C-alpha atoms as a PDB file:
ATOM      1  CA  MET A   1    -126.458  31.513 148.050  1.00  0.00           C
ATOM      2  CA  THR A   2    -125.701  34.821 149.639  1.00  0.00           C
ATOM      3  CA  SER A   3    -125.590  35.226 153.322  1.00  0.00           C
ATOM      4  CA  ALA A   4    -127.654  37.602 155.413  1.00  0.00           C
ATOM      5  CA  ASP A   5    -124.543  39.771 155.699  1.00  0.00           C
ATOM      6  CA  ASP A   6    -124.782  40.686 152.060  1.00  0.00           C
ATOM      7  CA  ARG A   7    -128.429  41.799 152.243  1.00  0.00           C
ATOM      8  CA  PRO A   8    -130.058  44.955 153.470  1.00  0.00           C
ATOM      9  CA  THR A   9    -132.447  44.739 156.303  1.00  0.00           C
ATOM     10  CA  ARG A  10    -136.159  45.156 155.970  1.00  0.00           C
ATOM     11  CA  SER A  11    -135.797  48.850 156.743  1.00  0.00           C
ATOM     12  CA  GLY A  12    -133.311  49.189 153.940  1.00  0.00           C
ATOM     13  CA  ALA A  13    -130.340  49.732 156.201  1.00  0.00           C
ATOM     14  CA  SER A  14    -127.203  47.807 155.592  1.00  0.00           C
ATOM     15  CA  GLU A  15    -126.144  44.937 157.894  1.00  0.00           C
ATOM     16  CA  PRO A  16    -123.314  45.738 160.379  1.00  0.00           C
ATOM     17  CA  GLU A  17    -119.970  45.304 158.728  1.00  0.00           C
ATOM     18  CA  ALA A  18    -118.365  43.963 161.959  1.00  0.00           C
ATOM     19  CA  PRO A  19    -118.346  40.141 161.872  1.00  0.00           C
ATOM     20  CA  HIS A  20    -120.052  40.107 165.310  1.00  0.00           C
ATOM     21  CA  ALA A  21    -123.003  42.270 165.912  1.00  0.00           C
ATOM     22  CA  ASN A  22    -123.048  44.399 168.920  1.00  0.00           C
ATOM     23  CA  LEU A  23    -125.318  43.744 171.940  1.00  0.00           C
ATOM     24  CA  GLN A  24    -127.518  46.830 171.075  1.00  0.00           C
ATOM     25  CA  ALA A  25    -128.227  45.403 167.671  1.00  0.00           C
ATOM     26  CA  PHE A  26    -129.201  42.025 169.137  1.00  0.00           C
ATOM     27  CA  ALA A  27    -131.487  43.781 171.671  1.00  0.00           C
ATOM     28  CA  VAL A  28    -133.194  45.853 169.036  1.00  0.00           C
ATOM     29  CA  GLU A  29    -133.831  42.743 166.817  1.00  0.00           C
ATOM     30  CA  LEU A  30    -134.979  40.598 169.640  1.00  0.00           C
ATOM     31  CA  ARG A  31    -137.520  43.281 170.851  1.00  0.00           C
ATOM     32  CA  ARG A  32    -138.755  43.774 167.274  1.00  0.00           C
ATOM     33  CA  MET A  33    -139.325  39.988 166.865  1.00  0.00           C
ATOM     34  CA  ASN A  34    -141.025  39.794 170.261  1.00  0.00           C
ATOM     35  CA  GLY A  35    -143.326  42.741 169.315  1.00  0.00           C
ATOM     36  CA  GLU A  36    -144.340  41.136 166.189  1.00  0.00           C
ATOM     37  CA  ILE A  37    -144.902  37.823 167.776  1.00  0.00           C
ATOM     38  CA  ASN A  38    -146.969  39.498 170.505  1.00  0.00           C
ATOM     39  CA  ARG A  39    -149.053  41.245 167.803  1.00  0.00           C
ATOM     40  CA  MET A  40    -149.841  38.006 166.165  1.00  0.00           C
ATOM     41  CA  THR A  41    -150.610  36.356 169.582  1.00  0.00           C
ATOM     42  CA  HIS A  42    -153.023  39.039 170.464  1.00  0.00           C
ATOM     43  CA  GLY A  43    -154.650  38.897 167.081  1.00  0.00           C
ATOM     44  CA  PHE A  44    -155.181  35.151 167.465  1.00  0.00           C
ATOM     45  CA  ALA A  45    -156.490  35.574 170.963  1.00  0.00           C
ATOM     46  CA  ALA A  46    -159.047  38.136 169.794  1.00  0.00           C
ATOM     47  CA  SER A  47    -160.116  36.001 166.889  1.00  0.00           C
ATOM     48  CA  GLN A  48    -160.861  33.147 169.296  1.00  0.00           C
ATOM     49  CA  HIS A  49    -162.221  35.329 172.001  1.00  0.00           C
ATOM     50  CA  LEU A  50    -159.506  34.452 174.434  1.00  0.00           C
ATOM     51  CA  HIS A  51    -156.940  36.236 176.621  1.00  0.00           C
ATOM     52  CA  PRO A  52    -153.375  36.425 175.459  1.00  0.00           C
ATOM     53  CA  THR A  53    -152.473  34.308 178.552  1.00  0.00           C
ATOM     54  CA  ASP A  54    -154.641  31.577 177.085  1.00  0.00           C
ATOM     55  CA  VAL A  55    -152.715  31.579 173.902  1.00  0.00           C
ATOM     56  CA  SER A  56    -149.437  31.427 175.934  1.00  0.00           C
ATOM     57  CA  ALA A  57    -151.018  28.401 177.708  1.00  0.00           C
ATOM     58  CA  LEU A  58    -152.003  26.806 174.315  1.00  0.00           C
ATOM     59  CA  ALA A  59    -148.336  27.263 173.061  1.00  0.00           C
ATOM     60  CA  ALA A  60    -146.926  25.732 176.288  1.00  0.00           C
ATOM     61  CA  ILE A  61    -149.322  22.818 175.972  1.00  0.00           C
ATOM     62  CA  LEU A  62    -148.453  22.234 172.269  1.00  0.00           C
ATOM     63  CA  ASP A  63    -144.730  22.580 172.731  1.00  0.00           C
ATOM     64  CA  ALA A  64    -144.365  20.281 175.867  1.00  0.00           C
ATOM     65  CA  PRO A  65    -142.557  17.077 175.277  1.00  0.00           C
ATOM     66  CA  SER A  66    -145.211  15.210 177.366  1.00  0.00           C
ATOM     67  CA  PRO A  67    -148.635  16.092 178.508  1.00  0.00           C
ATOM     68  CA  LEU A  68    -148.697  19.020 180.986  1.00  0.00           C
ATOM     69  CA  THR A  69    -150.465  18.925 184.278  1.00  0.00           C
ATOM     70  CA  PRO A  70    -152.117  22.059 185.503  1.00  0.00           C
ATOM     71  CA  GLY A  71    -149.236  22.385 188.003  1.00  0.00           C
ATOM     72  CA  GLY A  72    -146.708  22.164 185.281  1.00  0.00           C
ATOM     73  CA  LEU A  73    -148.592  24.773 183.303  1.00  0.00           C
ATOM     74  CA  ARG A  74    -148.710  26.998 186.448  1.00  0.00           C
ATOM     75  CA  GLU A  75    -145.005  26.815 186.922  1.00  0.00           C
ATOM     76  CA  HIS A  76    -144.255  27.482 183.148  1.00  0.00           C
ATOM     77  CA  LEU A  77    -146.592  30.545 183.015  1.00  0.00           C
ATOM     78  CA  GLY A  78    -145.863  31.865 186.504  1.00  0.00           C
ATOM     79  CA  LEU A  79    -149.519  32.043 187.487  1.00  0.00           C
ATOM     80  CA  THR A  80    -151.389  31.136 190.512  1.00  0.00           C
ATOM     81  CA  SER A  81    -153.328  27.912 190.728  1.00  0.00           C
ATOM     82  CA  GLY A  82    -156.603  29.912 190.478  1.00  0.00           C
ATOM     83  CA  ALA A  83    -155.481  31.759 187.429  1.00  0.00           C
ATOM     84  CA  VAL A  84    -154.405  28.467 185.736  1.00  0.00           C
ATOM     85  CA  THR A  85    -157.846  26.891 186.560  1.00  0.00           C
ATOM     86  CA  ALA A  86    -159.642  29.847 185.161  1.00  0.00           C
ATOM     87  CA  CYS A  87    -157.435  29.762 182.042  1.00  0.00           C
ATOM     88  CA  LEU A  88    -158.054  26.046 181.469  1.00  0.00           C
ATOM     89  CA  ASP A  89    -161.709  26.524 182.054  1.00  0.00           C
ATOM     90  CA  ARG A  90    -161.821  29.194 179.320  1.00  0.00           C
ATOM     91  CA  LEU A  91    -159.731  27.013 176.920  1.00  0.00           C
ATOM     92  CA  GLU A  92    -162.019  24.000 177.596  1.00  0.00           C
ATOM     93  CA  ARG A  93    -165.180  25.751 177.073  1.00  0.00           C
ATOM     94  CA  ALA A  94    -163.830  27.251 173.784  1.00  0.00           C
ATOM     95  CA  GLY A  95    -162.872  23.677 172.674  1.00  0.00           C
ATOM     96  CA  HIS A  96    -159.072  24.182 172.594  1.00  0.00           C
ATOM     97  CA  VAL A  97    -158.121  21.704 175.317  1.00  0.00           C
ATOM     98  CA  ARG A  98    -159.384  18.814 177.238  1.00  0.00           C
ATOM     99  CA  ARG A  99    -158.344  17.637 180.742  1.00  0.00           C
ATOM    100  CA  ALA A 100    -158.050  14.002 181.342  1.00  0.00           C
ATOM    101  CA  ARG A 101    -157.470  12.076 184.599  1.00  0.00           C
ATOM    102  CA  GLU A 102    -154.882   9.318 184.438  1.00  0.00           C
ATOM    103  CA  SER A 103    -156.484   5.923 184.879  1.00  0.00           C
ATOM    104  CA  THR A 104    -153.745   4.715 187.305  1.00  0.00           C
ATOM    105  CA  ASP A 105    -153.903   7.700 189.591  1.00  0.00           C
ATOM    106  CA  ARG A 106    -157.196   9.590 189.416  1.00  0.00           C
ATOM    107  CA  ARG A 107    -155.638  12.643 191.140  1.00  0.00           C
ATOM    108  CA  VAL A 108    -153.274  13.298 188.110  1.00  0.00           C
ATOM    109  CA  VAL A 109    -154.808  15.525 185.503  1.00  0.00           C
ATOM    110  CA  HIS A 110    -153.140  16.045 182.099  1.00  0.00           C
ATOM    111  CA  VAL A 111    -154.054  18.738 179.643  1.00  0.00           C
ATOM    112  CA  TYR A 112    -154.310  17.918 175.810  1.00  0.00           C
ATOM    113  CA  TYR A 113    -154.514  20.339 172.983  1.00  0.00           C
ATOM    114  CA  GLU A 114    -157.640  19.251 170.980  1.00  0.00           C
ATOM    115  CA  ALA A 115    -156.798  18.195 167.476  1.00  0.00           C
ATOM    116  CA  SER A 116    -159.975  20.020 166.118  1.00  0.00           C
ATOM    117  CA  ALA A 117    -158.654  23.294 167.586  1.00  0.00           C
ATOM    118  CA  ARG A 118    -155.269  23.039 165.836  1.00  0.00           C
ATOM    119  CA  ALA A 119    -156.816  23.863 162.567  1.00  0.00           C
ATOM    120  CA  ALA A 120    -157.834  27.406 163.674  1.00  0.00           C
ATOM    121  CA  ALA A 121    -154.275  28.017 164.953  1.00  0.00           C
ATOM    122  CA  ARG A 122    -152.710  26.551 161.913  1.00  0.00           C
ATOM    123  CA  ASP A 123    -154.785  28.804 159.516  1.00  0.00           C
ATOM    124  CA  PHE A 124    -154.251  31.916 161.663  1.00  0.00           C
ATOM    125  CA  PHE A 125    -150.516  31.438 161.958  1.00  0.00           C
ATOM    126  CA  MET A 126    -149.930  30.298 158.328  1.00  0.00           C
ATOM    127  CA  PRO A 127    -148.525  33.737 157.478  1.00  0.00           C
ATOM    128  CA  LEU A 128    -145.913  33.245 160.284  1.00  0.00           C
ATOM    129  CA  ALA A 129    -144.943  29.899 158.825  1.00  0.00           C
ATOM    130  CA  GLU A 130    -144.688  31.388 155.255  1.00  0.00           C
ATOM    131  CA  ALA A 131    -142.620  34.272 156.622  1.00  0.00           C
ATOM    132  CA  THR A 132    -140.378  31.839 158.422  1.00  0.00           C
ATOM    133  CA  ALA A 133    -139.879  29.741 155.191  1.00  0.00           C
ATOM    134  CA  ARG A 134    -138.986  32.983 153.229  1.00  0.00           C
ATOM    135  CA  ALA A 135    -136.487  34.025 155.955  1.00  0.00           C
ATOM    136  CA  ARG A 136    -134.933  30.578 156.156  1.00  0.00           C
ATOM    137  CA  ALA A 137    -134.342  30.475 152.401  1.00  0.00           C
ATOM    138  CA  ARG A 138    -132.005  33.347 152.721  1.00  0.00           C
ATOM    139  CA  PHE A 139    -129.588  31.389 154.920  1.00  0.00           C
ATOM    140  CA  SER A 140    -127.433  28.309 154.434  1.00  0.00           C
ATOM    141  CA  GLU A 141    -127.946  25.275 156.522  1.00  0.00           C
ATOM    142  CA  ALA A 142    -124.891  26.095 158.608  1.00  0.00           C
ATOM    143  CA  GLU A 143    -126.137  29.563 159.332  1.00  0.00           C
ATOM    144  CA  LEU A 144    -129.573  28.247 160.307  1.00  0.00           C
ATOM    145  CA  ALA A 145    -127.927  25.696 162.621  1.00  0.00           C
ATOM    146  CA  THR A 146    -126.109  28.646 164.288  1.00  0.00           C
ATOM    147  CA  VAL A 147    -129.344  30.607 164.626  1.00  0.00           C
ATOM    148  CA  LEU A 148    -131.047  27.623 166.201  1.00  0.00           C
ATOM    149  CA  ARG A 149    -128.100  27.150 168.559  1.00  0.00           C
ATOM    150  CA  PHE A 150    -128.357  30.936 169.473  1.00  0.00           C
ATOM    151  CA  LEU A 151    -132.107  30.829 170.154  1.00  0.00           C
ATOM    152  CA  ALA A 152    -131.787  27.641 172.182  1.00  0.00           C
ATOM    153  CA  ALA A 153    -128.907  29.262 174.268  1.00  0.00           C
ATOM    154  CA  MET A 154    -131.055  32.456 174.748  1.00  0.00           C
ATOM    155  CA  ASN A 155    -134.067  30.423 175.918  1.00  0.00           C
ATOM    156  CA  GLU A 156    -131.794  28.318 178.254  1.00  0.00           C
ATOM    157  CA  GLU A 157    -130.241  31.525 179.740  1.00  0.00           C
ATOM    158  CA  LEU A 158    -133.621  33.156 180.240  1.00  0.00           C
ATOM    159  CA  GLY A 159    -135.185  30.013 181.568  1.00  0.00           C
ATOM    160  CA  GLU A 160    -132.519  29.371 184.104  1.00  0.00           C
ATOM    161  CA  ASP A 161    -132.193  32.773 185.645  1.00  0.00           C
ATOM    162  CA  PRO A 162    -134.495  35.329 184.197  1.00  0.00           C
ATOM    163  CA  PRO A 163    -133.169  38.834 184.466  1.00  0.00           C
ATOM    164  CA  ALA A 164    -136.280  40.112 186.354  1.00  0.00           C
ATOM    165  CA  ARG A 165    -135.405  37.628 189.133  1.00  0.00           C
ATOM    166  CA  ARG A 166    -131.739  38.571 189.569  1.00  0.00           C
END
């Protein structure tokens, strides 16, 4: 199997010859990927008659290791309580989420992604899954492990002290 360093990029340009890509190259590729993901997110939002923030909320709910509360979602998205309530109201009306009060403490509300709504997301984002599979096939397991470590480290760095707050 050849590595990514042996292949031209999508634009046809050769990969950098230096063993470590420079910061500018990382910045360009991260911005490009962010732009493509934003384009898809906006497309899904439009197809579901939602706001892009609603799709960010859905992703946070889906990716959370345990059910989120509205407060946890507010913190994750950096929105006001009122904005989160409006977002959850829209998502609930559209059938994407449900809010449930915990039986032991009726004050605690958890938000759940509705199983029936996952099909729409799965169908819409299937091209992303297929593109990911094609891209992954170009790399060895060791390279993929490195990529995952890098992405996790970037998320950790950005999550701990985002540049905008410095």
